[in-house]
Amino acid sequence: MSDLENQELENDEEATVTLELDDGTSVECAVLTIFPVGKNDYIALLPLEGEAAEEGEVYLYKYMESEDGEPSLDNILDDDEYEAVADAFDELLDSQEYDELIPEDEIDD
């Protein structure tokens, strides 16, 4: 993974990033969420155009911020780490779908 261009959020606009892929192509992606797994943060990105977008493919990367707040992404190279991140993202999706199905005020404590 090389450069990351972060576009600022304005009002309710969707946060997007442009990924510069190893083959020299650029992919515009919507930021779905940033979430912790273990001691690291990860980011889920949804491509906005192309075949990956049509298939609903989600890209997962390790997410870091420098001391001055500049975001950066790194590939997840370890298979076990990737599986743990993918599982955590799936659980996040499941809980969000549940929250959307049942309004919070209808959940009994």
PDB file of N, CA and C in Angstrom:
ATOM      1  N   MET A   1       0.863  -1.178   0.000  1.00  0.00           N
ATOM      2  CA  MET A   1       0.000   0.000   0.000  1.00  0.00           C
ATOM      3  C   MET A   1       0.894   1.220   0.000  1.00  0.00           C
ATOM      4  N   SER A   2       0.585   2.154  -0.861  1.00  0.00           N
ATOM      5  CA  SER A   2       1.404   3.347  -0.855  1.00  0.00           C
ATOM      6  C   SER A   2       0.627   4.526  -0.303  1.00  0.00           C
ATOM      7  N   ASP A   3       0.493   5.592  -1.063  1.00  0.00           N
ATOM      8  CA  ASP A   3      -0.044   6.850  -0.549  1.00  0.00           C
ATOM      9  C   ASP A   3      -1.521   6.782  -0.183  1.00  0.00           C
ATOM     10  N   LEU A   4      -1.883   7.591   0.771  1.00  0.00           N
ATOM     11  CA  LEU A   4      -3.271   7.737   1.201  1.00  0.00           C
ATOM     12  C   LEU A   4      -3.606   9.212   1.176  1.00  0.00           C
ATOM     13  N   GLU A   5      -4.671   9.541   0.472  1.00  0.00           N
ATOM     14  CA  GLU A   5      -5.139  10.925   0.483  1.00  0.00           C
ATOM     15  C   GLU A   5      -6.406  10.950   1.307  1.00  0.00           C
ATOM     16  N   ASN A   6      -6.410  11.722   2.362  1.00  0.00           N
ATOM     17  CA  ASN A   6      -7.574  11.800   3.239  1.00  0.00           C
ATOM     18  C   ASN A   6      -8.375  13.046   2.890  1.00  0.00           C
ATOM     19  N   GLN A   7      -9.641  12.860   2.559  1.00  0.00           N
ATOM     20  CA  GLN A   7     -10.501  13.999   2.272  1.00  0.00           C
ATOM     21  C   GLN A   7     -11.316  14.306   3.513  1.00  0.00           C
ATOM     22  N   GLU A   8     -11.315  15.582   3.893  1.00  0.00           N
ATOM     23  CA  GLU A   8     -11.959  16.004   5.126  1.00  0.00           C
ATOM     24  C   GLU A   8     -13.469  15.853   5.071  1.00  0.00           C
ATOM     25  N   LEU A   9     -14.048  15.564   6.213  1.00  0.00           N
ATOM     26  CA  LEU A   9     -15.501  15.504   6.336  1.00  0.00           C
ATOM     27  C   LEU A   9     -16.063  16.917   6.373  1.00  0.00           C
ATOM     28  N   GLU A  10     -17.073  17.146   5.595  1.00  0.00           N
ATOM     29  CA  GLU A  10     -17.758  18.431   5.643  1.00  0.00           C
ATOM     30  C   GLU A  10     -19.232  18.141   5.894  1.00  0.00           C
ATOM     31  N   ASN A  11     -19.743  18.636   7.003  1.00  0.00           N
ATOM     32  CA  ASN A  11     -21.118  18.400   7.419  1.00  0.00           C
ATOM     33  C   ASN A  11     -21.380  16.902   7.469  1.00  0.00           C
ATOM     34  N   ASP A  12     -22.376  16.412   6.719  1.00  0.00           N
ATOM     35  CA  ASP A  12     -22.729  14.989   6.763  1.00  0.00           C
ATOM     36  C   ASP A  12     -22.157  14.208   5.589  1.00  0.00           C
ATOM     37  N   GLU A  13     -21.173  14.765   4.887  1.00  0.00           N
ATOM     38  CA  GLU A  13     -20.605  14.068   3.745  1.00  0.00           C
ATOM     39  C   GLU A  13     -19.873  12.821   4.201  1.00  0.00           C
ATOM     40  N   GLU A  14     -19.859  11.837   3.310  1.00  0.00           N
ATOM     41  CA  GLU A  14     -19.191  10.587   3.569  1.00  0.00           C
ATOM     42  C   GLU A  14     -17.670  10.790   3.526  1.00  0.00           C
ATOM     43  N   ALA A  15     -16.954  10.208   4.473  1.00  0.00           N
ATOM     44  CA  ALA A  15     -15.495  10.276   4.464  1.00  0.00           C
ATOM     45  C   ALA A  15     -14.984   9.335   3.380  1.00  0.00           C
ATOM     46  N   THR A  16     -14.054   9.816   2.582  1.00  0.00           N
ATOM     47  CA  THR A  16     -13.473   8.992   1.535  1.00  0.00           C
ATOM     48  C   THR A  16     -11.954   9.075   1.583  1.00  0.00           C
ATOM     49  N   VAL A  17     -11.326   8.048   1.038  1.00  0.00           N
ATOM     50  CA  VAL A  17      -9.881   8.032   0.852  1.00  0.00           C
ATOM     51  C   VAL A  17      -9.598   7.518  -0.548  1.00  0.00           C
ATOM     52  N   THR A  18      -8.481   7.947  -1.098  1.00  0.00           N
ATOM     53  CA  THR A  18      -8.030   7.440  -2.379  1.00  0.00           C
ATOM     54  C   THR A  18      -6.842   6.532  -2.125  1.00  0.00           C
ATOM     55  N   LEU A  19      -6.985   5.265  -2.482  1.00  0.00           N
ATOM     56  CA  LEU A  19      -5.895   4.310  -2.327  1.00  0.00           C
ATOM     57  C   LEU A  19      -5.078   4.289  -3.610  1.00  0.00           C
ATOM     58  N   GLU A  20      -3.777   4.353  -3.472  1.00  0.00           N
ATOM     59  CA  GLU A  20      -2.867   4.185  -4.606  1.00  0.00           C
ATOM     60  C   GLU A  20      -2.370   2.745  -4.527  1.00  0.00           C
ATOM     61  N   LEU A  21      -2.826   1.902  -5.447  1.00  0.00           N
ATOM     62  CA  LEU A  21      -2.495   0.483  -5.425  1.00  0.00           C
ATOM     63  C   LEU A  21      -1.111   0.233  -6.012  1.00  0.00           C
ATOM     64  N   ASP A  22      -0.579  -0.956  -5.726  1.00  0.00           N
ATOM     65  CA  ASP A  22       0.758  -1.314  -6.177  1.00  0.00           C
ATOM     66  C   ASP A  22       0.894  -1.302  -7.697  1.00  0.00           C
ATOM     67  N   ASP A  23      -0.207  -1.543  -8.418  1.00  0.00           N
ATOM     68  CA  ASP A  23      -0.147  -1.561  -9.883  1.00  0.00           C
ATOM     69  C   ASP A  23      -0.278  -0.163 -10.489  1.00  0.00           C
ATOM     70  N   GLY A  24      -0.310   0.872  -9.647  1.00  0.00           N
ATOM     71  CA  GLY A  24      -0.359   2.243 -10.129  1.00  0.00           C
ATOM     72  C   GLY A  24      -1.755   2.815 -10.302  1.00  0.00           C
ATOM     73  N   THR A  25      -2.782   2.006 -10.080  1.00  0.00           N
ATOM     74  CA  THR A  25      -4.147   2.500 -10.201  1.00  0.00           C
ATOM     75  C   THR A  25      -4.604   3.129  -8.896  1.00  0.00           C
ATOM     76  N   SER A  26      -5.608   3.986  -9.007  1.00  0.00           N
ATOM     77  CA  SER A  26      -6.200   4.630  -7.832  1.00  0.00           C
ATOM     78  C   SER A  26      -7.621   4.127  -7.643  1.00  0.00           C
ATOM     79  N   VAL A  27      -8.008   3.943  -6.392  1.00  0.00           N
ATOM     80  CA  VAL A  27      -9.360   3.505  -6.072  1.00  0.00           C
ATOM     81  C   VAL A  27      -9.928   4.443  -5.021  1.00  0.00           C
ATOM     82  N   GLU A  28     -11.051   5.089  -5.328  1.00  0.00           N
ATOM     83  CA  GLU A  28     -11.751   5.948  -4.371  1.00  0.00           C
ATOM     84  C   GLU A  28     -12.620   5.038  -3.490  1.00  0.00           C
ATOM     85  N   CYS A  29     -12.485   5.182  -2.177  1.00  0.00           N
ATOM     86  CA  CYS A  29     -13.212   4.321  -1.241  1.00  0.00           C
ATOM     87  C   CYS A  29     -13.914   5.152  -0.176  1.00  0.00           C
ATOM     88  N   ALA A  30     -15.085   4.675   0.234  1.00  0.00           N
ATOM     89  CA  ALA A  30     -15.785   5.258   1.376  1.00  0.00           C
ATOM     90  C   ALA A  30     -15.247   4.608   2.642  1.00  0.00           C
ATOM     91  N   VAL A  31     -15.062   5.409   3.676  1.00  0.00           N
ATOM     92  CA  VAL A  31     -14.643   4.881   4.975  1.00  0.00           C
ATOM     93  C   VAL A  31     -15.892   4.369   5.677  1.00  0.00           C
ATOM     94  N   LEU A  32     -15.935   3.061   5.908  1.00  0.00           N
ATOM     95  CA  LEU A  32     -17.081   2.481   6.609  1.00  0.00           C
ATOM     96  C   LEU A  32     -16.943   2.655   8.111  1.00  0.00           C
ATOM     97  N   THR A  33     -15.775   2.316   8.625  1.00  0.00           N
ATOM     98  CA  THR A  33     -15.544   2.434  10.065  1.00  0.00           C
ATOM     99  C   THR A  33     -14.066   2.233  10.374  1.00  0.00           C
ATOM    100  N   ILE A  34     -13.667   2.737  11.518  1.00  0.00           N
ATOM    101  CA  ILE A  34     -12.360   2.452  12.103  1.00  0.00           C
ATOM    102  C   ILE A  34     -12.656   1.756  13.419  1.00  0.00           C
ATOM    103  N   PHE A  35     -12.023   0.611  13.641  1.00  0.00           N
ATOM    104  CA  PHE A  35     -12.364  -0.201  14.811  1.00  0.00           C
ATOM    105  C   PHE A  35     -11.120  -0.858  15.394  1.00  0.00           C
ATOM    106  N   PRO A  36     -11.131  -1.097  16.713  1.00  0.00           N
ATOM    107  CA  PRO A  36      -9.970  -1.721  17.356  1.00  0.00           C
ATOM    108  C   PRO A  36     -10.067  -3.245  17.334  1.00  0.00           C
ATOM    109  N   VAL A  37      -8.920  -3.878  17.203  1.00  0.00           N
ATOM    110  CA  VAL A  37      -8.788  -5.324  17.394  1.00  0.00           C
ATOM    111  C   VAL A  37      -7.464  -5.501  18.134  1.00  0.00           C
ATOM    112  N   GLY A  38      -7.546  -6.009  19.340  1.00  0.00           N
ATOM    113  CA  GLY A  38      -6.340  -6.119  20.154  1.00  0.00           C
ATOM    114  C   GLY A  38      -5.784  -4.738  20.450  1.00  0.00           C
ATOM    115  N   LYS A  39      -4.492  -4.550  20.197  1.00  0.00           N
ATOM    116  CA  LYS A  39      -3.830  -3.273  20.492  1.00  0.00           C
ATOM    117  C   LYS A  39      -3.797  -2.339  19.288  1.00  0.00           C
ATOM    118  N   ASN A  40      -4.330  -2.768  18.149  1.00  0.00           N
ATOM    119  CA  ASN A  40      -4.249  -1.972  16.923  1.00  0.00           C
ATOM    120  C   ASN A  40      -5.627  -1.512  16.461  1.00  0.00           C
ATOM    121  N   ASP A  41      -5.627  -0.470  15.631  1.00  0.00           N
ATOM    122  CA  ASP A  41      -6.846  -0.006  14.983  1.00  0.00           C
ATOM    123  C   ASP A  41      -6.807  -0.433  13.526  1.00  0.00           C
ATOM    124  N   TYR A  42      -7.994  -0.685  12.987  1.00  0.00           N
ATOM    125  CA  TYR A  42      -8.133  -1.107  11.600  1.00  0.00           C
ATOM    126  C   TYR A  42      -9.225  -0.273  10.948  1.00  0.00           C
ATOM    127  N   ILE A  43      -9.186  -0.220   9.611  1.00  0.00           N
ATOM    128  CA  ILE A  43     -10.155   0.571   8.865  1.00  0.00           C
ATOM    129  C   ILE A  43     -10.794  -0.325   7.802  1.00  0.00           C
ATOM    130  N   ALA A  44     -12.093  -0.151   7.618  1.00  0.00           N
ATOM    131  CA  ALA A  44     -12.833  -0.873   6.584  1.00  0.00           C
ATOM    132  C   ALA A  44     -13.212   0.138   5.506  1.00  0.00           C
ATOM    133  N   LEU A  45     -12.823  -0.166   4.266  1.00  0.00           N
ATOM    134  CA  LEU A  45     -13.065   0.722   3.137  1.00  0.00           C
ATOM    135  C   LEU A  45     -13.908   0.026   2.085  1.00  0.00           C
ATOM    136  N   LEU A  46     -14.862   0.758   1.525  1.00  0.00           N
ATOM    137  CA  LEU A  46     -15.733   0.233   0.478  1.00  0.00           C
ATOM    138  C   LEU A  46     -15.435   0.972  -0.822  1.00  0.00           C
ATOM    139  N   PRO A  47     -14.919   0.260  -1.850  1.00  0.00           N
ATOM    140  CA  PRO A  47     -14.666   0.913  -3.132  1.00  0.00           C
ATOM    141  C   PRO A  47     -15.957   1.513  -3.689  1.00  0.00           C
ATOM    142  N   LEU A  48     -15.841   2.697  -4.310  1.00  0.00           N
ATOM    143  CA  LEU A  48     -17.017   3.387  -4.827  1.00  0.00           C
ATOM    144  C   LEU A  48     -17.274   3.117  -6.301  1.00  0.00           C
ATOM    145  N   GLU A  49     -16.278   2.599  -7.016  1.00  0.00           N
ATOM    146  CA  GLU A  49     -16.429   2.318  -8.442  1.00  0.00           C
ATOM    147  C   GLU A  49     -15.695   1.038  -8.790  1.00  0.00           C
ATOM    148  N   GLY A  50     -16.025   0.477  -9.953  1.00  0.00           N
ATOM    149  CA  GLY A  50     -15.313  -0.684 -10.462  1.00  0.00           C
ATOM    150  C   GLY A  50     -15.909  -1.992 -10.007  1.00  0.00           C
ATOM    151  N   GLU A  51     -15.219  -3.056 -10.378  1.00  0.00           N
ATOM    152  CA  GLU A  51     -15.688  -4.409 -10.104  1.00  0.00           C
ATOM    153  C   GLU A  51     -15.814  -4.689  -8.608  1.00  0.00           C
ATOM    154  N   ALA A  52     -14.849  -4.230  -7.820  1.00  0.00           N
ATOM    155  CA  ALA A  52     -14.897  -4.455  -6.371  1.00  0.00           C
ATOM    156  C   ALA A  52     -16.122  -3.789  -5.760  1.00  0.00           C
ATOM    157  N   ALA A  53     -16.494  -2.609  -6.273  1.00  0.00           N
ATOM    158  CA  ALA A  53     -17.675  -1.906  -5.767  1.00  0.00           C
ATOM    159  C   ALA A  53     -18.941  -2.667  -6.125  1.00  0.00           C
ATOM    160  N   GLU A  54     -19.002  -3.179  -7.344  1.00  0.00           N
ATOM    161  CA  GLU A  54     -20.178  -3.926  -7.788  1.00  0.00           C
ATOM    162  C   GLU A  54     -20.378  -5.191  -6.967  1.00  0.00           C
ATOM    163  N   GLU A  55     -19.280  -5.794  -6.549  1.00  0.00           N
ATOM    164  CA  GLU A  55     -19.349  -7.033  -5.761  1.00  0.00           C
ATOM    165  C   GLU A  55     -19.502  -6.768  -4.275  1.00  0.00           C
ATOM    166  N   GLY A  56     -19.444  -5.499  -3.864  1.00  0.00           N
ATOM    167  CA  GLY A  56     -19.567  -5.163  -2.445  1.00  0.00           C
ATOM    168  C   GLY A  56     -18.351  -5.564  -1.634  1.00  0.00           C
ATOM    169  N   GLU A  57     -17.208  -5.649  -2.293  1.00  0.00           N
ATOM    170  CA  GLU A  57     -15.968  -6.024  -1.619  1.00  0.00           C
ATOM    171  C   GLU A  57     -15.551  -4.935  -0.639  1.00  0.00           C
ATOM    172  N   VAL A  58     -15.069  -5.338   0.525  1.00  0.00           N
ATOM    173  CA  VAL A  58     -14.593  -4.405   1.549  1.00  0.00           C
ATOM    174  C   VAL A  58     -13.105  -4.640   1.733  1.00  0.00           C
ATOM    175  N   TYR A  59     -12.336  -3.542   1.750  1.00  0.00           N
ATOM    176  CA  TYR A  59     -10.895  -3.625   1.993  1.00  0.00           C
ATOM    177  C   TYR A  59     -10.635  -3.346   3.468  1.00  0.00           C
ATOM    178  N   LEU A  60      -9.797  -4.185   4.078  1.00  0.00           N
ATOM    179  CA  LEU A  60      -9.407  -4.007   5.477  1.00  0.00           C
ATOM    180  C   LEU A  60      -7.918  -3.712   5.550  1.00  0.00           C
ATOM    181  N   TYR A  61      -7.558  -2.663   6.301  1.00  0.00           N
ATOM    182  CA  TYR A  61      -6.169  -2.256   6.478  1.00  0.00           C
ATOM    183  C   TYR A  61      -5.920  -1.915   7.938  1.00  0.00           C
ATOM    184  N   LYS A  62      -4.645  -2.005   8.328  1.00  0.00           N
ATOM    185  CA  LYS A  62      -4.229  -1.503   9.636  1.00  0.00           C
ATOM    186  C   LYS A  62      -4.229   0.022   9.538  1.00  0.00           C
ATOM    187  N   TYR A  63      -4.779   0.700  10.555  1.00  0.00           N
ATOM    188  CA  TYR A  63      -4.910   2.152  10.554  1.00  0.00           C
ATOM    189  C   TYR A  63      -4.049   2.737  11.663  1.00  0.00           C
ATOM    190  N   MET A  64      -3.270   3.760  11.306  1.00  0.00           N
ATOM    191  CA  MET A  64      -2.420   4.433  12.290  1.00  0.00           C
ATOM    192  C   MET A  64      -2.490   5.937  12.060  1.00  0.00           C
ATOM    193  N   GLU A  65      -2.194   6.693  13.098  1.00  0.00           N
ATOM    194  CA  GLU A  65      -2.070   8.149  12.980  1.00  0.00           C
ATOM    195  C   GLU A  65      -0.722   8.560  13.537  1.00  0.00           C
ATOM    196  N   SER A  66      -0.059   9.487  12.835  1.00  0.00           N
ATOM    197  CA  SER A  66       1.213  10.007  13.323  1.00  0.00           C
ATOM    198  C   SER A  66       0.938  10.942  14.501  1.00  0.00           C
ATOM    199  N   GLU A  67       1.984  11.408  15.136  1.00  0.00           N
ATOM    200  CA  GLU A  67       1.833  12.306  16.276  1.00  0.00           C
ATOM    201  C   GLU A  67       1.111  13.594  15.912  1.00  0.00           C
ATOM    202  N   ASP A  68       1.247  14.021  14.649  1.00  0.00           N
ATOM    203  CA  ASP A  68       0.555  15.243  14.219  1.00  0.00           C
ATOM    204  C   ASP A  68      -0.823  14.960  13.624  1.00  0.00           C
ATOM    205  N   GLY A  69      -1.318  13.709  13.789  1.00  0.00           N
ATOM    206  CA  GLY A  69      -2.679  13.375  13.381  1.00  0.00           C
ATOM    207  C   GLY A  69      -2.847  12.949  11.936  1.00  0.00           C
ATOM    208  N   GLU A  70      -1.738  12.766  11.210  1.00  0.00           N
ATOM    209  CA  GLU A  70      -1.823  12.326   9.816  1.00  0.00           C
ATOM    210  C   GLU A  70      -2.121  10.822   9.760  1.00  0.00           C
ATOM    211  N   PRO A  71      -3.203  10.442   9.065  1.00  0.00           N
ATOM    212  CA  PRO A  71      -3.546   9.017   8.980  1.00  0.00           C
ATOM    213  C   PRO A  71      -2.652   8.287   7.987  1.00  0.00           C
ATOM    214  N   SER A  72      -2.428   7.007   8.244  1.00  0.00           N
ATOM    215  CA  SER A  72      -1.739   6.144   7.290  1.00  0.00           C
ATOM    216  C   SER A  72      -2.302   4.736   7.402  1.00  0.00           C
ATOM    217  N   LEU A  73      -2.190   4.002   6.324  1.00  0.00           N
ATOM    218  CA  LEU A  73      -2.692   2.637   6.266  1.00  0.00           C
ATOM    219  C   LEU A  73      -1.544   1.701   5.953  1.00  0.00           C
ATOM    220  N   ASP A  74      -1.688   0.457   6.409  1.00  0.00           N
ATOM    221  CA  ASP A  74      -0.694  -0.555   6.119  1.00  0.00           C
ATOM    222  C   ASP A  74      -1.420  -1.861   5.823  1.00  0.00           C
ATOM    223  N   ASN A  75      -0.856  -2.641   4.912  1.00  0.00           N
ATOM    224  CA  ASN A  75      -1.434  -3.942   4.608  1.00  0.00           C
ATOM    225  C   ASN A  75      -1.373  -4.850   5.823  1.00  0.00           C
ATOM    226  N   ILE A  76      -2.335  -5.756   5.914  1.00  0.00           N
ATOM    227  CA  ILE A  76      -2.334  -6.796   6.942  1.00  0.00           C
ATOM    228  C   ILE A  76      -1.713  -8.021   6.286  1.00  0.00           C
ATOM    229  N   LEU A  77      -0.481  -8.347   6.651  1.00  0.00           N
ATOM    230  CA  LEU A  77       0.257  -9.407   5.975  1.00  0.00           C
ATOM    231  C   LEU A  77       0.088 -10.777   6.627  1.00  0.00           C
ATOM    232  N   ASP A  78      -0.215 -10.802   7.905  1.00  0.00           N
ATOM    233  CA  ASP A  78      -0.342 -12.054   8.646  1.00  0.00           C
ATOM    234  C   ASP A  78      -1.762 -12.610   8.488  1.00  0.00           C
ATOM    235  N   ASP A  79      -1.874 -13.866   8.060  1.00  0.00           N
ATOM    236  CA  ASP A  79      -3.182 -14.487   7.824  1.00  0.00           C
ATOM    237  C   ASP A  79      -4.034 -14.549   9.088  1.00  0.00           C
ATOM    238  N   ASP A  80      -3.418 -14.879  10.223  1.00  0.00           N
ATOM    239  CA  ASP A  80      -4.169 -14.960  11.478  1.00  0.00           C
ATOM    240  C   ASP A  80      -4.683 -13.578  11.891  1.00  0.00           C
ATOM    241  N   GLU A  81      -3.840 -12.563  11.730  1.00  0.00           N
ATOM    242  CA  GLU A  81      -4.254 -11.194  12.049  1.00  0.00           C
ATOM    243  C   GLU A  81      -5.419 -10.777  11.141  1.00  0.00           C
ATOM    244  N   TYR A  82      -5.304 -11.075   9.837  1.00  0.00           N
ATOM    245  CA  TYR A  82      -6.359 -10.700   8.900  1.00  0.00           C
ATOM    246  C   TYR A  82      -7.674 -11.395   9.266  1.00  0.00           C
ATOM    247  N   GLU A  83      -7.600 -12.667   9.620  1.00  0.00           N
ATOM    248  CA  GLU A  83      -8.811 -13.403   9.990  1.00  0.00           C
ATOM    249  C   GLU A  83      -9.455 -12.810  11.241  1.00  0.00           C
ATOM    250  N   ALA A  84      -8.648 -12.424  12.228  1.00  0.00           N
ATOM    251  CA  ALA A  84      -9.180 -11.808  13.448  1.00  0.00           C
ATOM    252  C   ALA A  84      -9.853 -10.471  13.125  1.00  0.00           C
ATOM    253  N   VAL A  85      -9.233  -9.683  12.233  1.00  0.00           N
ATOM    254  CA  VAL A  85      -9.795  -8.390  11.845  1.00  0.00           C
ATOM    255  C   VAL A  85     -11.095  -8.588  11.065  1.00  0.00           C
ATOM    256  N   ALA A  86     -11.100  -9.533  10.132  1.00  0.00           N
ATOM    257  CA  ALA A  86     -12.300  -9.813   9.340  1.00  0.00           C
ATOM    258  C   ALA A  86     -13.442 -10.295  10.242  1.00  0.00           C
ATOM    259  N   ASP A  87     -13.133 -11.146  11.214  1.00  0.00           N
ATOM    260  CA  ASP A  87     -14.150 -11.621  12.159  1.00  0.00           C
ATOM    261  C   ASP A  87     -14.712 -10.467  12.982  1.00  0.00           C
ATOM    262  N   ALA A  88     -13.836  -9.586  13.448  1.00  0.00           N
ATOM    263  CA  ALA A  88     -14.280  -8.438  14.241  1.00  0.00           C
ATOM    264  C   ALA A  88     -15.160  -7.517  13.402  1.00  0.00           C
ATOM    265  N   PHE A  89     -14.798  -7.321  12.127  1.00  0.00           N
ATOM    266  CA  PHE A  89     -15.606  -6.478  11.241  1.00  0.00           C
ATOM    267  C   PHE A  89     -16.974  -7.133  11.007  1.00  0.00           C
ATOM    268  N   ASP A  90     -17.009  -8.440  10.800  1.00  0.00           N
ATOM    269  CA  ASP A  90     -18.282  -9.153  10.624  1.00  0.00           C
ATOM    270  C   ASP A  90     -19.169  -9.005  11.860  1.00  0.00           C
ATOM    271  N   GLU A  91     -18.574  -9.109  13.053  1.00  0.00           N
ATOM    272  CA  GLU A  91     -19.338  -8.931  14.293  1.00  0.00           C
ATOM    273  C   GLU A  91     -19.889  -7.515  14.388  1.00  0.00           C
ATOM    274  N   LEU A  92     -19.075  -6.536  13.980  1.00  0.00           N
ATOM    275  CA  LEU A  92     -19.527  -5.140  13.967  1.00  0.00           C
ATOM    276  C   LEU A  92     -20.732  -4.981  13.039  1.00  0.00           C
ATOM    277  N   LEU A  93     -20.656  -5.582  11.863  1.00  0.00           N
ATOM    278  CA  LEU A  93     -21.769  -5.516  10.913  1.00  0.00           C
ATOM    279  C   LEU A  93     -23.019  -6.167  11.492  1.00  0.00           C
ATOM    280  N   ASP A  94     -22.827  -7.342  12.104  1.00  0.00           N
ATOM    281  CA  ASP A  94     -23.969  -8.045  12.695  1.00  0.00           C
ATOM    282  C   ASP A  94     -24.636  -7.198  13.767  1.00  0.00           C
ATOM    283  N   SER A  95     -23.844  -6.555  14.632  1.00  0.00           N
ATOM    284  CA  SER A  95     -24.425  -5.756  15.707  1.00  0.00           C
ATOM    285  C   SER A  95     -25.117  -4.512  15.149  1.00  0.00           C
ATOM    286  N   GLN A  96     -24.566  -3.912  14.084  1.00  0.00           N
ATOM    287  CA  GLN A  96     -25.200  -2.742  13.486  1.00  0.00           C
ATOM    288  C   GLN A  96     -26.507  -3.126  12.811  1.00  0.00           C
ATOM    289  N   GLU A  97     -26.522  -4.281  12.126  1.00  0.00           N
ATOM    290  CA  GLU A  97     -27.759  -4.739  11.501  1.00  0.00           C
ATOM    291  C   GLU A  97     -28.819  -4.994  12.559  1.00  0.00           C
ATOM    292  N   TYR A  98     -28.417  -5.583  13.693  1.00  0.00           N
ATOM    293  CA  TYR A  98     -29.347  -5.841  14.781  1.00  0.00           C
ATOM    294  C   TYR A  98     -29.891  -4.517  15.319  1.00  0.00           C
ATOM    295  N   ASP A  99     -28.998  -3.545  15.508  1.00  0.00           N
ATOM    296  CA  ASP A  99     -29.417  -2.237  16.018  1.00  0.00           C
ATOM    297  C   ASP A  99     -30.388  -1.552  15.064  1.00  0.00           C
ATOM    298  N   GLU A 100     -30.201  -1.747  13.759  1.00  0.00           N
ATOM    299  CA  GLU A 100     -31.096  -1.137  12.785  1.00  0.00           C
ATOM    300  C   GLU A 100     -32.448  -1.842  12.762  1.00  0.00           C
ATOM    301  N   LEU A 101     -32.458  -3.147  13.051  1.00  0.00           N
ATOM    302  CA  LEU A 101     -33.700  -3.913  13.030  1.00  0.00           C
ATOM    303  C   LEU A 101     -34.571  -3.627  14.245  1.00  0.00           C
ATOM    304  N   ILE A 102     -33.921  -3.459  15.407  1.00  0.00           N
ATOM    305  CA  ILE A 102     -34.649  -3.243  16.655  1.00  0.00           C
ATOM    306  C   ILE A 102     -34.243  -1.898  17.229  1.00  0.00           C
ATOM    307  N   PRO A 103     -35.133  -0.926  17.218  1.00  0.00           N
ATOM    308  CA  PRO A 103     -34.809   0.394  17.780  1.00  0.00           C
ATOM    309  C   PRO A 103     -34.369   0.251  19.242  1.00  0.00           C
ATOM    310  N   GLU A 104     -33.399   1.089  19.638  1.00  0.00           N
ATOM    311  CA  GLU A 104     -32.809   1.008  20.969  1.00  0.00           C
ATOM    312  C   GLU A 104     -33.853   1.089  22.078  1.00  0.00           C
ATOM    313  N   ASP A 105     -34.919   1.892  21.869  1.00  0.00           N
ATOM    314  CA  ASP A 105     -35.918   2.044  22.913  1.00  0.00           C
ATOM    315  C   ASP A 105     -36.802   0.812  23.083  1.00  0.00           C
ATOM    316  N   GLU A 106     -36.674  -0.168  22.177  1.00  0.00           N
ATOM    317  CA  GLU A 106     -37.459  -1.400  22.292  1.00  0.00           C
ATOM    318  C   GLU A 106     -36.656  -2.547  22.896  1.00  0.00           C
ATOM    319  N   ILE A 107     -35.362  -2.325  23.188  1.00  0.00           N
ATOM    320  CA  ILE A 107     -34.528  -3.369  23.758  1.00  0.00           C
ATOM    321  C   ILE A 107     -34.721  -3.383  25.260  1.00  0.00           C
ATOM    322  N   ASP A 108     -35.092  -4.562  25.796  1.00  0.00           N
ATOM    323  CA  ASP A 108     -35.270  -4.710  27.235  1.00  0.00           C
ATOM    324  C   ASP A 108     -33.923  -4.961  27.889  1.00  0.00           C
ATOM    325  N   ASP A 109     -33.656  -4.272  28.995  1.00  0.00           N
ATOM    326  CA  ASP A 109     -32.394  -4.483  29.716  1.00  0.00           C
ATOM    327  C   ASP A 109     -32.559  -5.512  30.794  1.00  0.00           C
TER     328      ASP A 109
END
